[in-house]
Amino acid sequence: MSSNESQSLELELQEQGDHSQTGTRDYLIGFVLSVILTAIPFWLVSTGLLTKPTTVATIVTMAIIQIWVHLKYFLHLNFVTEEGKANSLSFLFSALIIVMVVGLSVWIIYESNAMMMH
């Protein structure tokens, strides 16, 4: 094996090791954030510290932040690389289709029920 081939092999192995450590670090950060973002609403509800509307608003806010954490740290969706852009856009398109199918199905069922009552 030539010197250039061995250097390129070493660089490739080092990049794989760095990526593995980065992936593990991302998973740990995501896990810790998820636990915190789950514990805060549970604590608020169990203590009754805030009023009901404030508690509901806090729970919804924490849920939205947790969705972002899951997308970033577990699904690795980003707009930095070309592959990340493609994956993110595919995910957003799929989510849009699911929301439309579910939303329109609920609307059709509600309207059908309303028509049958008259």
PDB file of N, CA and C in Angstrom:
ATOM      1  N   MET A   1       0.849  -1.159   0.000  1.00  0.00           N
ATOM      2  CA  MET A   1       0.000   0.000   0.000  1.00  0.00           C
ATOM      3  C   MET A   1       0.904   1.234   0.000  1.00  0.00           C
ATOM      4  N   SER A   2       0.572   2.193  -0.840  1.00  0.00           N
ATOM      5  CA  SER A   2       1.406   3.384  -0.945  1.00  0.00           C
ATOM      6  C   SER A   2       1.120   4.339   0.212  1.00  0.00           C
ATOM      7  N   SER A   3       1.981   5.307   0.336  1.00  0.00           N
ATOM      8  CA  SER A   3       1.847   6.287   1.408  1.00  0.00           C
ATOM      9  C   SER A   3       0.563   7.100   1.270  1.00  0.00           C
ATOM     10  N   ASN A   4       0.214   7.486   0.047  1.00  0.00           N
ATOM     11  CA  ASN A   4      -1.011   8.260  -0.181  1.00  0.00           C
ATOM     12  C   ASN A   4      -2.264   7.464   0.172  1.00  0.00           C
ATOM     13  N   GLU A   5      -2.260   6.188  -0.187  1.00  0.00           N
ATOM     14  CA  GLU A   5      -3.416   5.340   0.112  1.00  0.00           C
ATOM     15  C   GLU A   5      -3.580   5.159   1.615  1.00  0.00           C
ATOM     16  N   SER A   6      -2.478   4.967   2.323  1.00  0.00           N
ATOM     17  CA  SER A   6      -2.572   4.774   3.767  1.00  0.00           C
ATOM     18  C   SER A   6      -3.017   6.062   4.461  1.00  0.00           C
ATOM     19  N   GLN A   7      -2.541   7.218   3.969  1.00  0.00           N
ATOM     20  CA  GLN A   7      -2.975   8.489   4.552  1.00  0.00           C
ATOM     21  C   GLN A   7      -4.464   8.723   4.308  1.00  0.00           C
ATOM     22  N   SER A   8      -4.917   8.410   3.107  1.00  0.00           N
ATOM     23  CA  SER A   8      -6.343   8.616   2.815  1.00  0.00           C
ATOM     24  C   SER A   8      -7.202   7.652   3.626  1.00  0.00           C
ATOM     25  N   LEU A   9      -6.714   6.422   3.842  1.00  0.00           N
ATOM     26  CA  LEU A   9      -7.439   5.464   4.666  1.00  0.00           C
ATOM     27  C   LEU A   9      -7.491   5.940   6.111  1.00  0.00           C
ATOM     28  N   GLU A  10      -6.391   6.480   6.628  1.00  0.00           N
ATOM     29  CA  GLU A  10      -6.366   7.007   7.989  1.00  0.00           C
ATOM     30  C   GLU A  10      -7.335   8.173   8.147  1.00  0.00           C
ATOM     31  N   LEU A  11      -7.356   9.078   7.159  1.00  0.00           N
ATOM     32  CA  LEU A  11      -8.274  10.213   7.203  1.00  0.00           C
ATOM     33  C   LEU A  11      -9.726   9.750   7.174  1.00  0.00           C
ATOM     34  N   GLU A  12     -10.001   8.767   6.351  1.00  0.00           N
ATOM     35  CA  GLU A  12     -11.366   8.236   6.255  1.00  0.00           C
ATOM     36  C   GLU A  12     -11.810   7.614   7.579  1.00  0.00           C
ATOM     37  N   LEU A  13     -10.931   6.831   8.210  1.00  0.00           N
ATOM     38  CA  LEU A  13     -11.252   6.216   9.493  1.00  0.00           C
ATOM     39  C   LEU A  13     -11.422   7.268  10.578  1.00  0.00           C
ATOM     40  N   GLN A  14     -10.598   8.319  10.552  1.00  0.00           N
ATOM     41  CA  GLN A  14     -10.709   9.392  11.539  1.00  0.00           C
ATOM     42  C   GLN A  14     -12.034  10.130  11.370  1.00  0.00           C
ATOM     43  N   GLU A  15     -12.451  10.397  10.115  1.00  0.00           N
ATOM     44  CA  GLU A  15     -13.721  11.069   9.874  1.00  0.00           C
ATOM     45  C   GLU A  15     -14.890  10.228  10.368  1.00  0.00           C
ATOM     46  N   GLN A  16     -14.815   8.901  10.153  1.00  0.00           N
ATOM     47  CA  GLN A  16     -15.872   8.014  10.641  1.00  0.00           C
ATOM     48  C   GLN A  16     -15.930   8.045  12.158  1.00  0.00           C
ATOM     49  N   GLY A  17     -14.781   8.055  12.824  1.00  0.00           N
ATOM     50  CA  GLY A  17     -14.746   8.118  14.283  1.00  0.00           C
ATOM     51  C   GLY A  17     -15.306   9.434  14.795  1.00  0.00           C
ATOM     52  N   ASP A  18     -14.951  10.540  14.134  1.00  0.00           N
ATOM     53  CA  ASP A  18     -15.477  11.849  14.527  1.00  0.00           C
ATOM     54  C   ASP A  18     -16.980  11.900  14.349  1.00  0.00           C
ATOM     55  N   HIS A  19     -17.470  11.346  13.248  1.00  0.00           N
ATOM     56  CA  HIS A  19     -18.916  11.335  12.990  1.00  0.00           C
ATOM     57  C   HIS A  19     -19.641  10.491  14.035  1.00  0.00           C
ATOM     58  N   SER A  20     -19.033   9.374  14.435  1.00  0.00           N
ATOM     59  CA  SER A  20     -19.640   8.515  15.452  1.00  0.00           C
ATOM     60  C   SER A  20     -19.734   9.241  16.787  1.00  0.00           C
ATOM     61  N   GLN A  21     -18.680   9.953  17.160  1.00  0.00           N
ATOM     62  CA  GLN A  21     -18.695  10.693  18.424  1.00  0.00           C
ATOM     63  C   GLN A  21     -19.695  11.831  18.367  1.00  0.00           C
ATOM     64  N   THR A  22     -19.776  12.518  17.232  1.00  0.00           N
ATOM     65  CA  THR A  22     -20.742  13.599  17.066  1.00  0.00           C
ATOM     66  C   THR A  22     -22.157  13.053  17.151  1.00  0.00           C
ATOM     67  N   GLY A  23     -22.409  11.914  16.527  1.00  0.00           N
ATOM     68  CA  GLY A  23     -23.732  11.304  16.573  1.00  0.00           C
ATOM     69  C   GLY A  23     -24.130  10.929  17.989  1.00  0.00           C
ATOM     70  N   THR A  24     -23.208  10.342  18.737  1.00  0.00           N
ATOM     71  CA  THR A  24     -23.484   9.965  20.118  1.00  0.00           C
ATOM     72  C   THR A  24     -23.744  11.206  20.968  1.00  0.00           C
ATOM     73  N   ARG A  25     -22.933  12.245  20.757  1.00  0.00           N
ATOM     74  CA  ARG A  25     -23.129  13.494  21.502  1.00  0.00           C
ATOM     75  C   ARG A  25     -24.493  14.104  21.188  1.00  0.00           C
ATOM     76  N   ASP A  26     -24.878  14.094  19.906  1.00  0.00           N
ATOM     77  CA  ASP A  26     -26.188  14.624  19.521  1.00  0.00           C
ATOM     78  C   ASP A  26     -27.319  13.843  20.177  1.00  0.00           C
ATOM     79  N   TYR A  27     -27.200  12.524  20.207  1.00  0.00           N
ATOM     80  CA  TYR A  27     -28.239  11.708  20.833  1.00  0.00           C
ATOM     81  C   TYR A  27     -28.341  11.994  22.334  1.00  0.00           C
ATOM     82  N   LEU A  28     -27.205  12.154  22.995  1.00  0.00           N
ATOM     83  CA  LEU A  28     -27.218  12.451  24.430  1.00  0.00           C
ATOM     84  C   LEU A  28     -27.819  13.829  24.705  1.00  0.00           C
ATOM     85  N   ILE A  29     -27.450  14.827  23.904  1.00  0.00           N
ATOM     86  CA  ILE A  29     -28.033  16.165  24.064  1.00  0.00           C
ATOM     87  C   ILE A  29     -29.536  16.105  23.843  1.00  0.00           C
ATOM     88  N   GLY A  30     -29.956  15.416  22.790  1.00  0.00           N
ATOM     89  CA  GLY A  30     -31.385  15.285  22.506  1.00  0.00           C
ATOM     90  C   GLY A  30     -32.130  14.576  23.619  1.00  0.00           C
ATOM     91  N   PHE A  31     -31.525  13.525  24.164  1.00  0.00           N
ATOM     92  CA  PHE A  31     -32.165  12.782  25.249  1.00  0.00           C
ATOM     93  C   PHE A  31     -32.344  13.655  26.491  1.00  0.00           C
ATOM     94  N   VAL A  32     -31.282  14.362  26.870  1.00  0.00           N
ATOM     95  CA  VAL A  32     -31.354  15.213  28.063  1.00  0.00           C
ATOM     96  C   VAL A  32     -32.395  16.313  27.867  1.00  0.00           C
ATOM     97  N   LEU A  33     -32.383  16.957  26.706  1.00  0.00           N
ATOM     98  CA  LEU A  33     -33.378  18.000  26.440  1.00  0.00           C
ATOM     99  C   LEU A  33     -34.801  17.435  26.456  1.00  0.00           C
ATOM    100  N   SER A  34     -34.984  16.251  25.910  1.00  0.00           N
ATOM    101  CA  SER A  34     -36.311  15.629  25.898  1.00  0.00           C
ATOM    102  C   SER A  34     -36.804  15.325  27.306  1.00  0.00           C
ATOM    103  N   VAL A  35     -35.909  14.826  28.147  1.00  0.00           N
ATOM    104  CA  VAL A  35     -36.289  14.540  29.531  1.00  0.00           C
ATOM    105  C   VAL A  35     -36.675  15.829  30.254  1.00  0.00           C
ATOM    106  N   ILE A  36     -35.883  16.878  30.066  1.00  0.00           N
ATOM    107  CA  ILE A  36     -36.186  18.163  30.711  1.00  0.00           C
ATOM    108  C   ILE A  36     -37.509  18.720  30.202  1.00  0.00           C
ATOM    109  N   LEU A  37     -37.695  18.678  28.877  1.00  0.00           N
ATOM    110  CA  LEU A  37     -38.917  19.226  28.287  1.00  0.00           C
ATOM    111  C   LEU A  37     -40.158  18.391  28.621  1.00  0.00           C
ATOM    112  N   THR A  38     -39.972  17.174  29.074  1.00  0.00           N
ATOM    113  CA  THR A  38     -41.093  16.355  29.536  1.00  0.00           C
ATOM    114  C   THR A  38     -41.322  16.567  31.029  1.00  0.00           C
ATOM    115  N   ALA A  39     -40.241  16.704  31.784  1.00  0.00           N
ATOM    116  CA  ALA A  39     -40.363  16.841  33.240  1.00  0.00           C
ATOM    117  C   ALA A  39     -41.001  18.161  33.654  1.00  0.00           C
ATOM    118  N   ILE A  40     -40.707  19.231  32.939  1.00  0.00           N
ATOM    119  CA  ILE A  40     -41.255  20.545  33.309  1.00  0.00           C
ATOM    120  C   ILE A  40     -42.786  20.546  33.275  1.00  0.00           C
ATOM    121  N   PRO A  41     -43.437  20.103  32.191  1.00  0.00           N
ATOM    122  CA  PRO A  41     -44.903  20.079  32.209  1.00  0.00           C
ATOM    123  C   PRO A  41     -45.480  19.140  33.277  1.00  0.00           C
ATOM    124  N   PHE A  42     -44.849  17.979  33.485  1.00  0.00           N
ATOM    125  CA  PHE A  42     -45.332  17.077  34.530  1.00  0.00           C
ATOM    126  C   PHE A  42     -45.261  17.756  35.894  1.00  0.00           C
ATOM    127  N   TRP A  43     -44.160  18.441  36.160  1.00  0.00           N
ATOM    128  CA  TRP A  43     -43.990  19.139  37.429  1.00  0.00           C
ATOM    129  C   TRP A  43     -45.033  20.247  37.577  1.00  0.00           C
ATOM    130  N   LEU A  44     -45.258  21.019  36.511  1.00  0.00           N
ATOM    131  CA  LEU A  44     -46.246  22.099  36.577  1.00  0.00           C
ATOM    132  C   LEU A  44     -47.651  21.570  36.862  1.00  0.00           C
ATOM    133  N   VAL A  45     -48.016  20.479  36.217  1.00  0.00           N
ATOM    134  CA  VAL A  45     -49.355  19.913  36.427  1.00  0.00           C
ATOM    135  C   VAL A  45     -49.474  19.315  37.821  1.00  0.00           C
ATOM    136  N   SER A  46     -48.459  18.601  38.265  1.00  0.00           N
ATOM    137  CA  SER A  46     -48.548  17.950  39.582  1.00  0.00           C
ATOM    138  C   SER A  46     -48.541  18.948  40.733  1.00  0.00           C
ATOM    139  N   THR A  47     -47.858  20.078  40.584  1.00  0.00           N
ATOM    140  CA  THR A  47     -47.824  21.057  41.669  1.00  0.00           C
ATOM    141  C   THR A  47     -48.980  22.046  41.594  1.00  0.00           C
ATOM    142  N   GLY A  48     -49.546  22.241  40.429  1.00  0.00           N
ATOM    143  CA  GLY A  48     -50.625  23.218  40.267  1.00  0.00           C
ATOM    144  C   GLY A  48     -50.148  24.630  40.513  1.00  0.00           C
ATOM    145  N   LEU A  49     -48.889  24.885  40.225  1.00  0.00           N
ATOM    146  CA  LEU A  49     -48.252  26.161  40.510  1.00  0.00           C
ATOM    147  C   LEU A  49     -48.840  27.313  39.688  1.00  0.00           C
ATOM    148  N   LEU A  50     -49.185  27.038  38.443  1.00  0.00           N
ATOM    149  CA  LEU A  50     -49.692  28.077  37.549  1.00  0.00           C
ATOM    150  C   LEU A  50     -51.194  27.909  37.333  1.00  0.00           C
ATOM    151  N   THR A  51     -51.811  28.940  36.770  1.00  0.00           N
ATOM    152  CA  THR A  51     -53.232  28.833  36.433  1.00  0.00           C
ATOM    153  C   THR A  51     -53.392  27.857  35.273  1.00  0.00           C
ATOM    154  N   LYS A  52     -54.621  27.399  35.064  1.00  0.00           N
ATOM    155  CA  LYS A  52     -54.871  26.408  34.019  1.00  0.00           C
ATOM    156  C   LYS A  52     -54.489  26.916  32.622  1.00  0.00           C
ATOM    157  N   PRO A  53     -54.900  28.125  32.218  1.00  0.00           N
ATOM    158  CA  PRO A  53     -54.503  28.588  30.876  1.00  0.00           C
ATOM    159  C   PRO A  53     -52.981  28.727  30.714  1.00  0.00           C
ATOM    160  N   THR A  54     -52.306  29.178  31.742  1.00  0.00           N
ATOM    161  CA  THR A  54     -50.849  29.319  31.676  1.00  0.00           C
ATOM    162  C   THR A  54     -50.186  27.951  31.593  1.00  0.00           C
ATOM    163  N   THR A  55     -50.712  26.994  32.350  1.00  0.00           N
ATOM    164  CA  THR A  55     -50.169  25.633  32.304  1.00  0.00           C
ATOM    165  C   THR A  55     -50.354  25.024  30.920  1.00  0.00           C
ATOM    166  N   VAL A  56     -51.531  25.196  30.335  1.00  0.00           N
ATOM    167  CA  VAL A  56     -51.784  24.660  28.987  1.00  0.00           C
ATOM    168  C   VAL A  56     -50.852  25.322  27.978  1.00  0.00           C
ATOM    169  N   ALA A  57     -50.677  26.640  28.074  1.00  0.00           N
ATOM    170  CA  ALA A  57     -49.778  27.337  27.150  1.00  0.00           C
ATOM    171  C   ALA A  57     -48.341  26.839  27.313  1.00  0.00           C
ATOM    172  N   THR A  58     -47.926  26.606  28.543  1.00  0.00           N
ATOM    173  CA  THR A  58     -46.571  26.102  28.793  1.00  0.00           C
ATOM    174  C   THR A  58     -46.404  24.700  28.226  1.00  0.00           C
ATOM    175  N   ILE A  59     -47.406  23.845  28.396  1.00  0.00           N
ATOM    176  CA  ILE A  59     -47.336  22.477  27.864  1.00  0.00           C
ATOM    177  C   ILE A  59     -47.241  22.500  26.343  1.00  0.00           C
ATOM    178  N   VAL A  60     -48.044  23.331  25.702  1.00  0.00           N
ATOM    179  CA  VAL A  60     -48.007  23.419  24.239  1.00  0.00           C
ATOM    180  C   VAL A  60     -46.647  23.947  23.771  1.00  0.00           C
ATOM    181  N   THR A  61     -46.124  24.952  24.461  1.00  0.00           N
ATOM    182  CA  THR A  61     -44.808  25.497  24.106  1.00  0.00           C
ATOM    183  C   THR A  61     -43.726  24.437  24.248  1.00  0.00           C
ATOM    184  N   MET A  62     -43.743  23.716  25.351  1.00  0.00           N
ATOM    185  CA  MET A  62     -42.752  22.657  25.561  1.00  0.00           C
ATOM    186  C   MET A  62     -42.885  21.551  24.508  1.00  0.00           C
ATOM    187  N   ALA A  63     -44.112  21.247  24.101  1.00  0.00           N
ATOM    188  CA  ALA A  63     -44.323  20.223  23.073  1.00  0.00           C
ATOM    189  C   ALA A  63     -43.743  20.666  21.737  1.00  0.00           C
ATOM    190  N   ILE A  64     -43.942  21.925  21.387  1.00  0.00           N
ATOM    191  CA  ILE A  64     -43.397  22.433  20.120  1.00  0.00           C
ATOM    192  C   ILE A  64     -41.867  22.429  20.154  1.00  0.00           C
ATOM    193  N   ILE A  65     -41.297  22.844  21.275  1.00  0.00           N
ATOM    194  CA  ILE A  65     -39.838  22.820  21.410  1.00  0.00           C
ATOM    195  C   ILE A  65     -39.331  21.382  21.334  1.00  0.00           C
ATOM    196  N   GLN A  66     -40.062  20.451  21.948  1.00  0.00           N
ATOM    197  CA  GLN A  66     -39.644  19.047  21.922  1.00  0.00           C
ATOM    198  C   GLN A  66     -39.711  18.469  20.509  1.00  0.00           C
ATOM    199  N   ILE A  67     -40.689  18.878  19.722  1.00  0.00           N
ATOM    200  CA  ILE A  67     -40.748  18.436  18.319  1.00  0.00           C
ATOM    201  C   ILE A  67     -39.488  18.893  17.597  1.00  0.00           C
ATOM    202  N   TRP A  68     -39.103  20.158  17.817  1.00  0.00           N
ATOM    203  CA  TRP A  68     -37.893  20.676  17.188  1.00  0.00           C
ATOM    204  C   TRP A  68     -36.661  19.884  17.639  1.00  0.00           C
ATOM    205  N   VAL A  69     -36.570  19.577  18.931  1.00  0.00           N
ATOM    206  CA  VAL A  69     -35.434  18.811  19.453  1.00  0.00           C
ATOM    207  C   VAL A  69     -35.365  17.441  18.782  1.00  0.00           C
ATOM    208  N   HIS A  70     -36.494  16.779  18.650  1.00  0.00           N
ATOM    209  CA  HIS A  70     -36.508  15.451  18.022  1.00  0.00           C
ATOM    210  C   HIS A  70     -36.090  15.533  16.560  1.00  0.00           C
ATOM    211  N   LEU A  71     -36.586  16.538  15.853  1.00  0.00           N
ATOM    212  CA  LEU A  71     -36.225  16.674  14.440  1.00  0.00           C
ATOM    213  C   LEU A  71     -34.738  16.975  14.274  1.00  0.00           C
ATOM    214  N   LYS A  72     -34.186  17.807  15.140  1.00  0.00           N
ATOM    215  CA  LYS A  72     -32.779  18.193  15.016  1.00  0.00           C
ATOM    216  C   LYS A  72     -31.829  17.111  15.513  1.00  0.00           C
ATOM    217  N   TYR A  73     -32.054  16.590  16.706  1.00  0.00           N
ATOM    218  CA  TYR A  73     -31.069  15.708  17.325  1.00  0.00           C
ATOM    219  C   TYR A  73     -31.273  14.226  17.023  1.00  0.00           C
ATOM    220  N   PHE A  74     -32.487  13.800  16.735  1.00  0.00           N
ATOM    221  CA  PHE A  74     -32.710  12.378  16.468  1.00  0.00           C
ATOM    222  C   PHE A  74     -32.876  12.084  14.980  1.00  0.00           C
ATOM    223  N   LEU A  75     -33.585  12.937  14.260  1.00  0.00           N
ATOM    224  CA  LEU A  75     -33.762  12.724  12.820  1.00  0.00           C
ATOM    225  C   LEU A  75     -32.702  13.447  12.000  1.00  0.00           C
ATOM    226  N   HIS A  76     -31.922  14.309  12.644  1.00  0.00           N
ATOM    227  CA  HIS A  76     -30.822  15.047  12.008  1.00  0.00           C
ATOM    228  C   HIS A  76     -31.291  15.836  10.787  1.00  0.00           C
ATOM    229  N   LEU A  77     -32.461  16.456  10.876  1.00  0.00           N
ATOM    230  CA  LEU A  77     -32.940  17.292   9.780  1.00  0.00           C
ATOM    231  C   LEU A  77     -32.306  18.667   9.913  1.00  0.00           C
ATOM    232  N   ASN A  78     -31.764  19.155   8.805  1.00  0.00           N
ATOM    233  CA  ASN A  78     -31.157  20.483   8.791  1.00  0.00           C
ATOM    234  C   ASN A  78     -31.193  21.028   7.366  1.00  0.00           C
ATOM    235  N   PHE A  79     -30.877  22.291   7.241  1.00  0.00           N
ATOM    236  CA  PHE A  79     -30.818  22.907   5.926  1.00  0.00           C
ATOM    237  C   PHE A  79     -29.393  23.309   5.574  1.00  0.00           C
ATOM    238  N   VAL A  80     -28.394  22.689   6.220  1.00  0.00           N
ATOM    239  CA  VAL A  80     -27.004  23.054   5.996  1.00  0.00           C
ATOM    240  C   VAL A  80     -26.446  22.348   4.764  1.00  0.00           C
ATOM    241  N   THR A  81     -26.623  21.042   4.676  1.00  0.00           N
ATOM    242  CA  THR A  81     -26.092  20.287   3.545  1.00  0.00           C
ATOM    243  C   THR A  81     -27.188  20.043   2.519  1.00  0.00           C
ATOM    244  N   GLU A  82     -26.783  19.655   1.325  1.00  0.00           N
ATOM    245  CA  GLU A  82     -27.765  19.360   0.276  1.00  0.00           C
ATOM    246  C   GLU A  82     -28.636  18.166   0.671  1.00  0.00           C
ATOM    247  N   GLU A  83     -28.013  17.135   1.255  1.00  0.00           N
ATOM    248  CA  GLU A  83     -28.777  15.966   1.695  1.00  0.00           C
ATOM    249  C   GLU A  83     -29.744  16.355   2.814  1.00  0.00           C
ATOM    250  N   GLY A  84     -29.282  17.220   3.729  1.00  0.00           N
ATOM    251  CA  GLY A  84     -30.141  17.692   4.816  1.00  0.00           C
ATOM    252  C   GLY A  84     -31.317  18.483   4.293  1.00  0.00           C
ATOM    253  N   LYS A  85     -31.080  19.317   3.282  1.00  0.00           N
ATOM    254  CA  LYS A  85     -32.171  20.088   2.676  1.00  0.00           C
ATOM    255  C   LYS A  85     -33.197  19.157   2.048  1.00  0.00           C
ATOM    256  N   ALA A  86     -32.718  18.164   1.305  1.00  0.00           N
ATOM    257  CA  ALA A  86     -33.627  17.224   0.648  1.00  0.00           C
ATOM    258  C   ALA A  86     -34.436  16.441   1.680  1.00  0.00           C
ATOM    259  N   ASN A  87     -33.768  15.970   2.736  1.00  0.00           N
ATOM    260  CA  ASN A  87     -34.468  15.221   3.782  1.00  0.00           C
ATOM    261  C   ASN A  87     -35.494  16.093   4.502  1.00  0.00           C
ATOM    262  N   SER A  88     -35.119  17.333   4.793  1.00  0.00           N
ATOM    263  CA  SER A  88     -36.030  18.242   5.497  1.00  0.00           C
ATOM    264  C   SER A  88     -37.243  18.574   4.651  1.00  0.00           C
ATOM    265  N   LEU A  89     -37.023  18.858   3.378  1.00  0.00           N
ATOM    266  CA  LEU A  89     -38.151  19.169   2.502  1.00  0.00           C
ATOM    267  C   LEU A  89     -39.059  17.957   2.302  1.00  0.00           C
ATOM    268  N   SER A  90     -38.470  16.769   2.200  1.00  0.00           N
ATOM    269  CA  SER A  90     -39.279  15.552   2.089  1.00  0.00           C
ATOM    270  C   SER A  90     -40.130  15.350   3.336  1.00  0.00           C
ATOM    271  N   PHE A  91     -39.527  15.580   4.496  1.00  0.00           N
ATOM    272  CA  PHE A  91     -40.261  15.443   5.754  1.00  0.00           C
ATOM    273  C   PHE A  91     -41.405  16.448   5.821  1.00  0.00           C
ATOM    274  N   LEU A  92     -41.121  17.715   5.492  1.00  0.00           N
ATOM    275  CA  LEU A  92     -42.152  18.751   5.548  1.00  0.00           C
ATOM    276  C   LEU A  92     -43.291  18.463   4.572  1.00  0.00           C
ATOM    277  N   PHE A  93     -42.967  17.986   3.379  1.00  0.00           N
ATOM    278  CA  PHE A  93     -43.999  17.635   2.408  1.00  0.00           C
ATOM    279  C   PHE A  93     -44.855  16.484   2.926  1.00  0.00           C
ATOM    280  N   SER A  94     -44.221  15.462   3.488  1.00  0.00           N
ATOM    281  CA  SER A  94     -44.966  14.328   4.042  1.00  0.00           C
ATOM    282  C   SER A  94     -45.870  14.771   5.184  1.00  0.00           C
ATOM    283  N   ALA A  95     -45.361  15.642   6.049  1.00  0.00           N
ATOM    284  CA  ALA A  95     -46.165  16.159   7.168  1.00  0.00           C
ATOM    285  C   ALA A  95     -47.360  16.943   6.646  1.00  0.00           C
ATOM    286  N   LEU A  96     -47.156  17.760   5.613  1.00  0.00           N
ATOM    287  CA  LEU A  96     -48.253  18.526   5.016  1.00  0.00           C
ATOM    288  C   LEU A  96     -49.329  17.602   4.466  1.00  0.00           C
ATOM    289  N   ILE A  97     -48.932  16.563   3.762  1.00  0.00           N
ATOM    290  CA  ILE A  97     -49.902  15.620   3.197  1.00  0.00           C
ATOM    291  C   ILE A  97     -50.678  14.924   4.309  1.00  0.00           C
ATOM    292  N   ILE A  98     -49.996  14.504   5.368  1.00  0.00           N
ATOM    293  CA  ILE A  98     -50.668  13.830   6.484  1.00  0.00           C
ATOM    294  C   ILE A  98     -51.661  14.761   7.159  1.00  0.00           C
ATOM    295  N   VAL A  99     -51.247  16.014   7.404  1.00  0.00           N
ATOM    296  CA  VAL A  99     -52.153  16.984   8.029  1.00  0.00           C
ATOM    297  C   VAL A  99     -53.371  17.223   7.146  1.00  0.00           C
ATOM    298  N   MET A 100     -53.160  17.329   5.838  1.00  0.00           N
ATOM    299  CA  MET A 100     -54.286  17.537   4.925  1.00  0.00           C
ATOM    300  C   MET A 100     -55.228  16.343   4.917  1.00  0.00           C
ATOM    301  N   VAL A 101     -54.693  15.141   4.848  1.00  0.00           N
ATOM    302  CA  VAL A 101     -55.539  13.939   4.809  1.00  0.00           C
ATOM    303  C   VAL A 101     -56.349  13.816   6.097  1.00  0.00           C
ATOM    304  N   VAL A 102     -55.700  13.980   7.234  1.00  0.00           N
ATOM    305  CA  VAL A 102     -56.401  13.866   8.517  1.00  0.00           C
ATOM    306  C   VAL A 102     -57.409  15.001   8.672  1.00  0.00           C
ATOM    307  N   GLY A 103     -56.978  16.235   8.400  1.00  0.00           N
ATOM    308  CA  GLY A 103     -57.867  17.382   8.536  1.00  0.00           C
ATOM    309  C   GLY A 103     -59.088  17.298   7.634  1.00  0.00           C
ATOM    310  N   LEU A 104     -58.872  16.948   6.388  1.00  0.00           N
ATOM    311  CA  LEU A 104     -59.996  16.842   5.452  1.00  0.00           C
ATOM    312  C   LEU A 104     -60.908  15.663   5.806  1.00  0.00           C
ATOM    313  N   SER A 105     -60.342  14.586   6.317  1.00  0.00           N
ATOM    314  CA  SER A 105     -61.167  13.451   6.733  1.00  0.00           C
ATOM    315  C   SER A 105     -62.068  13.843   7.901  1.00  0.00           C
ATOM    316  N   VAL A 106     -61.525  14.547   8.868  1.00  0.00           N
ATOM    317  CA  VAL A 106     -62.328  15.006  10.004  1.00  0.00           C
ATOM    318  C   VAL A 106     -63.419  15.954   9.524  1.00  0.00           C
ATOM    319  N   TRP A 107     -63.076  16.853   8.610  1.00  0.00           N
ATOM    320  CA  TRP A 107     -64.053  17.799   8.079  1.00  0.00           C
ATOM    321  C   TRP A 107     -65.180  17.072   7.348  1.00  0.00           C
ATOM    322  N   ILE A 108     -64.843  16.095   6.527  1.00  0.00           N
ATOM    323  CA  ILE A 108     -65.860  15.326   5.792  1.00  0.00           C
ATOM    324  C   ILE A 108     -66.762  14.574   6.755  1.00  0.00           C
ATOM    325  N   ILE A 109     -66.193  13.940   7.764  1.00  0.00           N
ATOM    326  CA  ILE A 109     -67.001  13.199   8.735  1.00  0.00           C
ATOM    327  C   ILE A 109     -67.906  14.148   9.509  1.00  0.00           C
ATOM    328  N   TYR A 110     -67.398  15.302   9.913  1.00  0.00           N
ATOM    329  CA  TYR A 110     -68.202  16.285  10.638  1.00  0.00           C
ATOM    330  C   TYR A 110     -69.354  16.776   9.770  1.00  0.00           C
ATOM    331  N   GLU A 111     -69.084  17.114   8.525  1.00  0.00           N
ATOM    332  CA  GLU A 111     -70.127  17.610   7.611  1.00  0.00           C
ATOM    333  C   GLU A 111     -71.148  16.519   7.309  1.00  0.00           C
ATOM    334  N   SER A 112     -70.703  15.282   7.154  1.00  0.00           N
ATOM    335  CA  SER A 112     -71.645  14.185   6.912  1.00  0.00           C
ATOM    336  C   SER A 112     -72.571  13.995   8.105  1.00  0.00           C
ATOM    337  N   ASN A 113     -72.003  14.081   9.289  1.00  0.00           N
ATOM    338  CA  ASN A 113     -72.815  13.972  10.504  1.00  0.00           C
ATOM    339  C   ASN A 113     -73.820  15.117  10.588  1.00  0.00           C
ATOM    340  N   ALA A 114     -73.388  16.315  10.268  1.00  0.00           N
ATOM    341  CA  ALA A 114     -74.289  17.480  10.317  1.00  0.00           C
ATOM    342  C   ALA A 114     -75.423  17.333   9.309  1.00  0.00           C
ATOM    343  N   MET A 115     -75.150  16.804   8.127  1.00  0.00           N
ATOM    344  CA  MET A 115     -76.179  16.618   7.110  1.00  0.00           C
ATOM    345  C   MET A 115     -77.192  15.556   7.522  1.00  0.00           C
ATOM    346  N   MET A 116     -76.736  14.540   8.233  1.00  0.00           N
ATOM    347  CA  MET A 116     -77.642  13.473   8.633  1.00  0.00           C
ATOM    348  C   MET A 116     -78.556  13.911   9.774  1.00  0.00           C
ATOM    349  N   MET A 117     -78.166  14.934  10.525  1.00  0.00           N
ATOM    350  CA  MET A 117     -78.979  15.411  11.642  1.00  0.00           C
ATOM    351  C   MET A 117     -80.103  16.321  11.180  1.00  0.00           C
ATOM    352  N   HIS A 118     -80.021  16.884   9.981  1.00  0.00           N
ATOM    353  CA  HIS A 118     -81.065  17.780   9.478  1.00  0.00           C
ATOM    354  C   HIS A 118     -82.085  17.069   8.669  1.00  0.00           C
TER     355      HIS A 118
END
